[in-house]
Amino acid sequence: MKFVIQRVSEASVEVAGKTVGAIGTGYMVLIGVGQGDTRTEADKLIKKMIGLRIFPDEQGKINLSLKDVEGGLLLISQFTLYADCRKGNRPSFVNAGDPKTAEELYEYIIAECKKSVPVVEKGVFGAKMKVSLCNEGPFTILLES
């Protein structure tokens, strides 16, 4: 499982010309589910993500968590995080999780995040999406199981 976390001042996702999710300060997270990933791995990454202290405090020191800044989450499914480009020029996605399991884990992650984060928005699994964001920093972190 992979989470690409971007610290944002704002982010949104659009499907078929309609905004389906938007946040202000927080994290826009691309979520990739791989073959064999489980809820246990998701729980570990969720705990780590929510506990990250990557927002600046009053002195500008990177010391505050999502909860400290009352930030939101925008969670986007992204199977292309499992692209294998080692051979040729056309990526292979054989390491991505099967769509049924990936969607179940994606929905599980959303539900678990809602238990501790007041604002959790999402994209549409499997849809063609347009994602817009203002990455603050820029600050991007990759978490992998």
N, C-alpha and C. Protein backbone atom coordinates (compact mmCIF):
# COMPACT_ATOMS: atom_id res chain seq x y z
N MET A 1 0.85 -1.17 0.00
CA MET A 1 0.00 0.00 0.00
C MET A 1 0.89 1.23 0.00
N LYS A 2 0.44 2.24 -0.71
CA LYS A 2 1.21 3.48 -0.80
C LYS A 2 0.29 4.67 -0.58
N PHE A 3 0.75 5.61 0.24
CA PHE A 3 0.08 6.90 0.43
C PHE A 3 1.06 7.97 -0.01
N VAL A 4 0.68 8.81 -0.96
CA VAL A 4 1.46 9.99 -1.31
C VAL A 4 0.72 11.16 -0.68
N ILE A 5 1.34 11.74 0.35
CA ILE A 5 0.70 12.79 1.15
C ILE A 5 1.28 14.13 0.76
N GLN A 6 0.40 15.05 0.37
CA GLN A 6 0.84 16.40 0.05
C GLN A 6 0.16 17.37 1.01
N ARG A 7 0.97 18.17 1.68
CA ARG A 7 0.44 19.20 2.57
C ARG A 7 -0.10 20.32 1.70
N VAL A 8 -1.37 20.67 1.87
CA VAL A 8 -2.00 21.65 1.00
C VAL A 8 -2.68 22.78 1.78
N SER A 9 -2.82 23.91 1.09
CA SER A 9 -3.65 24.99 1.63
C SER A 9 -5.06 24.86 1.08
N GLU A 10 -5.18 24.14 -0.06
CA GLU A 10 -6.48 23.81 -0.62
C GLU A 10 -6.30 22.72 -1.66
N ALA A 11 -7.35 21.92 -1.84
CA ALA A 11 -7.32 20.86 -2.83
C ALA A 11 -8.76 20.49 -3.18
N SER A 12 -8.94 20.04 -4.42
CA SER A 12 -10.28 19.62 -4.85
C SER A 12 -10.15 18.54 -5.92
N VAL A 13 -11.24 17.81 -6.11
CA VAL A 13 -11.29 16.79 -7.15
C VAL A 13 -12.62 16.93 -7.88
N GLU A 14 -12.52 16.81 -9.19
CA GLU A 14 -13.67 16.98 -10.07
C GLU A 14 -13.87 15.73 -10.91
N VAL A 15 -15.13 15.34 -11.07
CA VAL A 15 -15.49 14.21 -11.92
C VAL A 15 -16.61 14.68 -12.84
N ALA A 16 -16.40 14.52 -14.14
CA ALA A 16 -17.40 14.91 -15.15
C ALA A 16 -17.86 16.35 -14.97
N GLY A 17 -16.91 17.24 -14.68
CA GLY A 17 -17.22 18.66 -14.56
C GLY A 17 -17.84 19.09 -13.25
N LYS A 18 -17.97 18.17 -12.29
CA LYS A 18 -18.58 18.48 -10.99
C LYS A 18 -17.58 18.23 -9.88
N THR A 19 -17.44 19.19 -8.96
CA THR A 19 -16.56 19.02 -7.81
C THR A 19 -17.21 18.01 -6.86
N VAL A 20 -16.47 16.92 -6.58
CA VAL A 20 -17.00 15.88 -5.70
C VAL A 20 -16.32 15.88 -4.33
N GLY A 21 -15.24 16.62 -4.19
CA GLY A 21 -14.55 16.72 -2.91
C GLY A 21 -13.64 17.93 -2.90
N ALA A 22 -13.58 18.62 -1.75
CA ALA A 22 -12.71 19.79 -1.63
C ALA A 22 -12.39 20.03 -0.16
N ILE A 23 -11.14 20.47 0.10
CA ILE A 23 -10.71 20.82 1.45
C ILE A 23 -9.91 22.11 1.41
N GLY A 24 -9.74 22.71 2.57
CA GLY A 24 -8.81 23.81 2.73
C GLY A 24 -7.50 23.22 3.22
N THR A 25 -6.96 23.75 4.31
CA THR A 25 -5.71 23.26 4.88
C THR A 25 -5.83 21.78 5.23
N GLY A 26 -4.81 21.02 4.88
CA GLY A 26 -4.80 19.61 5.22
C GLY A 26 -3.90 18.81 4.31
N TYR A 27 -4.31 17.56 4.05
CA TYR A 27 -3.55 16.65 3.20
C TYR A 27 -4.40 16.21 2.03
N MET A 28 -3.82 16.27 0.83
CA MET A 28 -4.38 15.60 -0.32
C MET A 28 -3.56 14.32 -0.43
N VAL A 29 -4.23 13.17 -0.39
CA VAL A 29 -3.54 11.89 -0.32
C VAL A 29 -3.93 11.00 -1.50
N LEU A 30 -2.92 10.61 -2.27
CA LEU A 30 -3.12 9.62 -3.32
C LEU A 30 -2.90 8.25 -2.68
N ILE A 31 -3.84 7.34 -2.88
CA ILE A 31 -3.80 6.03 -2.22
C ILE A 31 -3.71 4.94 -3.27
N GLY A 32 -2.63 4.15 -3.21
CA GLY A 32 -2.46 3.02 -4.10
C GLY A 32 -2.53 1.73 -3.31
N VAL A 33 -3.35 0.81 -3.78
CA VAL A 33 -3.48 -0.50 -3.13
C VAL A 33 -2.79 -1.53 -4.02
N GLY A 34 -1.89 -2.29 -3.41
CA GLY A 34 -1.15 -3.31 -4.15
C GLY A 34 -1.68 -4.71 -3.89
N GLN A 35 -1.15 -5.67 -4.63
CA GLN A 35 -1.51 -7.07 -4.46
C GLN A 35 -1.22 -7.50 -3.01
N GLY A 36 -2.19 -8.11 -2.38
CA GLY A 36 -2.00 -8.66 -1.04
C GLY A 36 -2.13 -7.67 0.10
N ASP A 37 -2.43 -6.40 -0.18
CA ASP A 37 -2.58 -5.43 0.90
C ASP A 37 -3.80 -5.76 1.76
N THR A 38 -3.72 -5.39 3.05
CA THR A 38 -4.77 -5.73 4.01
C THR A 38 -5.18 -4.52 4.84
N ARG A 39 -6.24 -4.70 5.61
CA ARG A 39 -6.70 -3.65 6.54
C ARG A 39 -5.64 -3.36 7.60
N THR A 40 -4.89 -4.37 8.00
CA THR A 40 -3.84 -4.17 9.00
C THR A 40 -2.81 -3.18 8.48
N GLU A 41 -2.41 -3.33 7.23
CA GLU A 41 -1.45 -2.39 6.64
C GLU A 41 -2.07 -1.01 6.51
N ALA A 42 -3.34 -0.96 6.14
CA ALA A 42 -4.04 0.32 6.03
C ALA A 42 -4.07 1.02 7.38
N ASP A 43 -4.37 0.27 8.44
CA ASP A 43 -4.43 0.86 9.79
C ASP A 43 -3.10 1.49 10.18
N LYS A 44 -2.00 0.82 9.87
CA LYS A 44 -0.67 1.36 10.20
C LYS A 44 -0.40 2.66 9.46
N LEU A 45 -0.71 2.68 8.17
CA LEU A 45 -0.47 3.89 7.39
C LEU A 45 -1.38 5.03 7.81
N ILE A 46 -2.63 4.73 8.12
CA ILE A 46 -3.57 5.76 8.59
C ILE A 46 -3.05 6.38 9.89
N LYS A 47 -2.64 5.54 10.83
CA LYS A 47 -2.14 6.04 12.11
C LYS A 47 -0.91 6.93 11.90
N LYS A 48 0.01 6.49 11.06
CA LYS A 48 1.22 7.27 10.78
C LYS A 48 0.85 8.60 10.11
N MET A 49 -0.02 8.55 9.11
CA MET A 49 -0.42 9.74 8.37
C MET A 49 -1.06 10.79 9.29
N ILE A 50 -2.00 10.35 10.08
CA ILE A 50 -2.71 11.29 10.94
C ILE A 50 -1.79 11.85 12.02
N GLY A 51 -0.81 11.08 12.45
CA GLY A 51 0.11 11.54 13.48
C GLY A 51 1.28 12.38 12.98
N LEU A 52 1.48 12.43 11.66
CA LEU A 52 2.60 13.21 11.13
C LEU A 52 2.53 14.66 11.61
N ARG A 53 3.68 15.17 12.00
CA ARG A 53 3.77 16.58 12.42
C ARG A 53 4.53 17.33 11.33
N ILE A 54 3.79 17.80 10.32
CA ILE A 54 4.44 18.46 9.19
C ILE A 54 3.89 19.85 8.89
N PHE A 55 3.16 20.41 9.85
CA PHE A 55 2.69 21.79 9.70
C PHE A 55 3.54 22.69 10.60
N PRO A 56 3.79 23.93 10.17
CA PRO A 56 4.61 24.83 10.97
C PRO A 56 3.88 25.36 12.20
N ASP A 57 4.61 25.52 13.30
CA ASP A 57 4.06 26.14 14.50
C ASP A 57 4.27 27.66 14.41
N GLU A 58 4.03 28.36 15.52
CA GLU A 58 4.14 29.82 15.55
C GLU A 58 5.55 30.31 15.23
N GLN A 59 6.56 29.50 15.51
CA GLN A 59 7.94 29.86 15.24
C GLN A 59 8.41 29.39 13.85
N GLY A 60 7.50 28.78 13.10
CA GLY A 60 7.85 28.29 11.78
C GLY A 60 8.49 26.91 11.78
N LYS A 61 8.61 26.29 12.96
CA LYS A 61 9.18 24.95 13.08
C LYS A 61 8.13 23.92 12.67
N ILE A 62 8.53 22.93 11.89
CA ILE A 62 7.62 21.87 11.46
C ILE A 62 7.34 20.99 12.66
N ASN A 63 6.18 21.23 13.29
CA ASN A 63 5.93 20.62 14.59
C ASN A 63 4.47 20.30 14.86
N LEU A 64 3.55 20.66 13.96
CA LEU A 64 2.13 20.47 14.25
C LEU A 64 1.52 19.38 13.38
N SER A 65 0.53 18.69 13.94
CA SER A 65 -0.15 17.60 13.23
C SER A 65 -1.42 18.12 12.55
N LEU A 66 -2.03 17.25 11.80
CA LEU A 66 -3.29 17.55 11.14
C LEU A 66 -4.34 18.00 12.16
N LYS A 67 -4.40 17.31 13.27
CA LYS A 67 -5.36 17.65 14.33
C LYS A 67 -5.06 19.04 14.90
N ASP A 68 -3.78 19.34 15.10
CA ASP A 68 -3.39 20.64 15.67
C ASP A 68 -3.85 21.81 14.82
N VAL A 69 -3.86 21.63 13.50
CA VAL A 69 -4.25 22.73 12.60
C VAL A 69 -5.69 22.59 12.12
N GLU A 70 -6.42 21.61 12.68
CA GLU A 70 -7.80 21.33 12.30
C GLU A 70 -7.93 21.17 10.80
N GLY A 71 -7.00 20.37 10.24
CA GLY A 71 -6.95 20.15 8.80
C GLY A 71 -7.87 19.05 8.34
N GLY A 72 -8.10 19.04 7.05
CA GLY A 72 -8.95 18.03 6.43
C GLY A 72 -8.13 17.07 5.57
N LEU A 73 -8.80 16.06 5.08
CA LEU A 73 -8.20 15.07 4.19
C LEU A 73 -8.99 15.00 2.89
N LEU A 74 -8.28 14.95 1.78
CA LEU A 74 -8.89 14.65 0.49
C LEU A 74 -8.20 13.38 0.01
N LEU A 75 -8.94 12.27 -0.01
CA LEU A 75 -8.39 10.94 -0.31
C LEU A 75 -8.78 10.53 -1.73
N ILE A 76 -7.76 10.23 -2.54
CA ILE A 76 -7.96 9.91 -3.95
C ILE A 76 -7.36 8.54 -4.25
N SER A 77 -8.15 7.64 -4.84
CA SER A 77 -7.59 6.35 -5.25
C SER A 77 -6.70 6.54 -6.47
N GLN A 78 -5.56 5.81 -6.51
CA GLN A 78 -4.58 6.04 -7.57
C GLN A 78 -3.80 4.76 -7.84
N PHE A 79 -4.35 3.87 -8.65
CA PHE A 79 -3.68 2.60 -8.92
C PHE A 79 -2.35 2.80 -9.65
N THR A 80 -2.18 3.93 -10.34
CA THR A 80 -0.96 4.14 -11.12
C THR A 80 0.28 4.31 -10.23
N LEU A 81 0.09 4.40 -8.92
CA LEU A 81 1.24 4.42 -8.01
C LEU A 81 2.00 3.10 -8.08
N TYR A 82 1.36 2.08 -8.62
CA TYR A 82 2.01 0.77 -8.76
C TYR A 82 2.54 0.52 -10.17
N ALA A 83 2.72 1.57 -10.94
CA ALA A 83 3.28 1.42 -12.29
C ALA A 83 4.70 0.89 -12.21
N ASP A 84 4.98 -0.12 -13.02
CA ASP A 84 6.32 -0.67 -13.14
C ASP A 84 6.85 -0.26 -14.51
N CYS A 85 7.85 0.60 -14.52
CA CYS A 85 8.39 1.16 -15.77
C CYS A 85 9.79 0.65 -16.08
N ARG A 86 10.17 -0.47 -15.47
CA ARG A 86 11.53 -0.98 -15.67
C ARG A 86 11.79 -1.48 -17.08
N LYS A 87 10.76 -2.01 -17.73
CA LYS A 87 10.94 -2.55 -19.09
C LYS A 87 10.11 -1.72 -20.07
N GLY A 88 10.73 -1.32 -21.14
CA GLY A 88 10.02 -0.61 -22.20
C GLY A 88 9.51 0.74 -21.76
N ASN A 89 8.57 1.27 -22.54
CA ASN A 89 8.04 2.61 -22.29
C ASN A 89 6.57 2.60 -21.88
N ARG A 90 5.99 1.42 -21.84
CA ARG A 90 4.59 1.32 -21.44
C ARG A 90 4.54 0.71 -20.04
N PRO A 91 4.02 1.45 -19.06
CA PRO A 91 3.99 0.94 -17.69
C PRO A 91 3.14 -0.33 -17.55
N SER A 92 3.58 -1.19 -16.66
CA SER A 92 2.82 -2.38 -16.31
C SER A 92 2.17 -2.13 -14.94
N PHE A 93 0.95 -2.58 -14.77
CA PHE A 93 0.24 -2.37 -13.50
C PHE A 93 -0.09 -3.69 -12.82
N VAL A 94 0.71 -4.73 -13.09
CA VAL A 94 0.43 -6.05 -12.52
C VAL A 94 0.55 -6.08 -11.00
N ASN A 95 1.26 -5.12 -10.42
CA ASN A 95 1.43 -5.10 -8.96
C ASN A 95 0.30 -4.36 -8.24
N ALA A 96 -0.57 -3.70 -9.00
CA ALA A 96 -1.72 -3.02 -8.39
C ALA A 96 -2.71 -4.08 -7.91
N GLY A 97 -3.42 -3.75 -6.84
CA GLY A 97 -4.42 -4.67 -6.31
C GLY A 97 -5.59 -4.82 -7.28
N ASP A 98 -6.29 -5.95 -7.19
CA ASP A 98 -7.45 -6.12 -8.05
C ASP A 98 -8.50 -5.07 -7.67
N PRO A 99 -9.27 -4.57 -8.65
CA PRO A 99 -10.18 -3.46 -8.39
C PRO A 99 -11.17 -3.67 -7.24
N LYS A 100 -11.73 -4.86 -7.11
CA LYS A 100 -12.71 -5.10 -6.04
C LYS A 100 -12.07 -4.93 -4.67
N THR A 101 -10.94 -5.56 -4.45
CA THR A 101 -10.24 -5.46 -3.17
C THR A 101 -9.74 -4.04 -2.94
N ALA A 102 -9.21 -3.41 -3.99
CA ALA A 102 -8.70 -2.05 -3.86
C ALA A 102 -9.81 -1.09 -3.46
N GLU A 103 -10.98 -1.22 -4.07
CA GLU A 103 -12.10 -0.34 -3.72
C GLU A 103 -12.54 -0.58 -2.27
N GLU A 104 -12.59 -1.84 -1.86
CA GLU A 104 -12.98 -2.14 -0.47
C GLU A 104 -12.00 -1.52 0.52
N LEU A 105 -10.70 -1.62 0.24
CA LEU A 105 -9.70 -1.03 1.13
C LEU A 105 -9.75 0.49 1.10
N TYR A 106 -9.97 1.07 -0.06
CA TYR A 106 -10.11 2.52 -0.19
C TYR A 106 -11.27 3.02 0.67
N GLU A 107 -12.42 2.37 0.57
CA GLU A 107 -13.60 2.76 1.37
C GLU A 107 -13.34 2.52 2.86
N TYR A 108 -12.61 1.47 3.20
CA TYR A 108 -12.24 1.22 4.58
C TYR A 108 -11.37 2.36 5.12
N ILE A 109 -10.39 2.78 4.33
CA ILE A 109 -9.49 3.87 4.74
C ILE A 109 -10.29 5.15 4.98
N ILE A 110 -11.22 5.46 4.10
CA ILE A 110 -12.06 6.64 4.26
C ILE A 110 -12.84 6.56 5.57
N ALA A 111 -13.48 5.43 5.82
CA ALA A 111 -14.28 5.25 7.03
C ALA A 111 -13.43 5.37 8.29
N GLU A 112 -12.24 4.78 8.28
CA GLU A 112 -11.36 4.86 9.44
C GLU A 112 -10.88 6.29 9.68
N CYS A 113 -10.56 7.00 8.63
CA CYS A 113 -10.10 8.39 8.77
C CYS A 113 -11.21 9.27 9.35
N LYS A 114 -12.45 9.01 8.97
CA LYS A 114 -13.58 9.80 9.47
C LYS A 114 -13.76 9.66 10.97
N LYS A 115 -13.22 8.60 11.56
CA LYS A 115 -13.33 8.40 13.01
C LYS A 115 -12.49 9.41 13.79
N SER A 116 -11.44 9.97 13.17
CA SER A 116 -10.57 10.88 13.91
C SER A 116 -10.32 12.23 13.23
N VAL A 117 -10.76 12.38 12.00
CA VAL A 117 -10.57 13.64 11.27
C VAL A 117 -11.96 14.17 10.90
N PRO A 118 -12.29 15.39 11.35
CA PRO A 118 -13.65 15.92 11.10
C PRO A 118 -14.02 16.11 9.63
N VAL A 119 -13.06 16.52 8.80
CA VAL A 119 -13.35 16.76 7.39
C VAL A 119 -12.57 15.76 6.53
N VAL A 120 -13.30 14.80 5.95
CA VAL A 120 -12.70 13.81 5.06
C VAL A 120 -13.52 13.82 3.76
N GLU A 121 -12.86 14.23 2.69
CA GLU A 121 -13.47 14.26 1.36
C GLU A 121 -12.80 13.18 0.52
N LYS A 122 -13.42 12.84 -0.62
CA LYS A 122 -12.86 11.76 -1.43
C LYS A 122 -13.16 11.98 -2.89
N GLY A 123 -12.42 11.22 -3.70
CA GLY A 123 -12.69 11.16 -5.13
C GLY A 123 -13.68 10.04 -5.39
N VAL A 124 -13.77 9.62 -6.64
CA VAL A 124 -14.65 8.53 -7.03
C VAL A 124 -13.78 7.40 -7.55
N PHE A 125 -13.84 6.26 -6.88
CA PHE A 125 -13.00 5.13 -7.25
C PHE A 125 -13.22 4.75 -8.71
N GLY A 126 -12.11 4.63 -9.44
CA GLY A 126 -12.16 4.18 -10.82
C GLY A 126 -12.57 5.23 -11.84
N ALA A 127 -12.94 6.43 -11.38
CA ALA A 127 -13.38 7.47 -12.31
C ALA A 127 -12.19 8.26 -12.85
N LYS A 128 -12.41 8.90 -13.98
CA LYS A 128 -11.43 9.85 -14.50
C LYS A 128 -11.63 11.13 -13.71
N MET A 129 -10.59 11.56 -13.02
CA MET A 129 -10.70 12.70 -12.11
C MET A 129 -9.71 13.79 -12.48
N LYS A 130 -10.10 15.02 -12.16
CA LYS A 130 -9.20 16.16 -12.26
C LYS A 130 -8.93 16.63 -10.84
N VAL A 131 -7.67 16.56 -10.45
CA VAL A 131 -7.29 16.93 -9.09
C VAL A 131 -6.54 18.26 -9.14
N SER A 132 -6.97 19.20 -8.31
CA SER A 132 -6.30 20.50 -8.20
C SER A 132 -5.85 20.68 -6.76
N LEU A 133 -4.65 21.25 -6.60
CA LEU A 133 -4.18 21.49 -5.24
C LEU A 133 -3.14 22.59 -5.22
N CYS A 134 -3.00 23.16 -4.05
CA CYS A 134 -1.92 24.10 -3.80
C CYS A 134 -1.06 23.46 -2.72
N ASN A 135 0.07 22.87 -3.15
CA ASN A 135 0.98 22.17 -2.24
C ASN A 135 1.76 23.22 -1.47
N GLU A 136 1.64 23.19 -0.16
CA GLU A 136 2.33 24.15 0.71
C GLU A 136 3.71 23.63 1.05
N GLY A 137 4.71 24.37 0.70
CA GLY A 137 6.09 24.00 1.01
C GLY A 137 7.01 24.15 -0.18
N PRO A 138 6.93 23.31 -1.18
CA PRO A 138 6.09 22.11 -1.27
C PRO A 138 6.50 21.04 -0.27
N PHE A 139 5.54 20.28 0.17
CA PHE A 139 5.77 19.25 1.17
C PHE A 139 5.03 18.00 0.73
N THR A 140 5.79 16.96 0.37
CA THR A 140 5.23 15.69 -0.09
C THR A 140 5.95 14.54 0.60
N ILE A 141 5.17 13.60 1.13
CA ILE A 141 5.73 12.45 1.84
C ILE A 141 5.13 11.18 1.28
N LEU A 142 5.96 10.16 1.11
CA LEU A 142 5.51 8.86 0.66
C LEU A 142 5.54 7.88 1.83
N LEU A 143 4.40 7.28 2.13
CA LEU A 143 4.33 6.21 3.12
C LEU A 143 4.03 4.92 2.38
N GLU A 144 4.78 3.86 2.72
CA GLU A 144 4.57 2.55 2.08
C GLU A 144 4.51 1.46 3.14
N SER A 145 3.71 0.45 2.86
CA SER A 145 3.69 -0.70 3.76
C SER A 145 4.61 -1.76 3.23
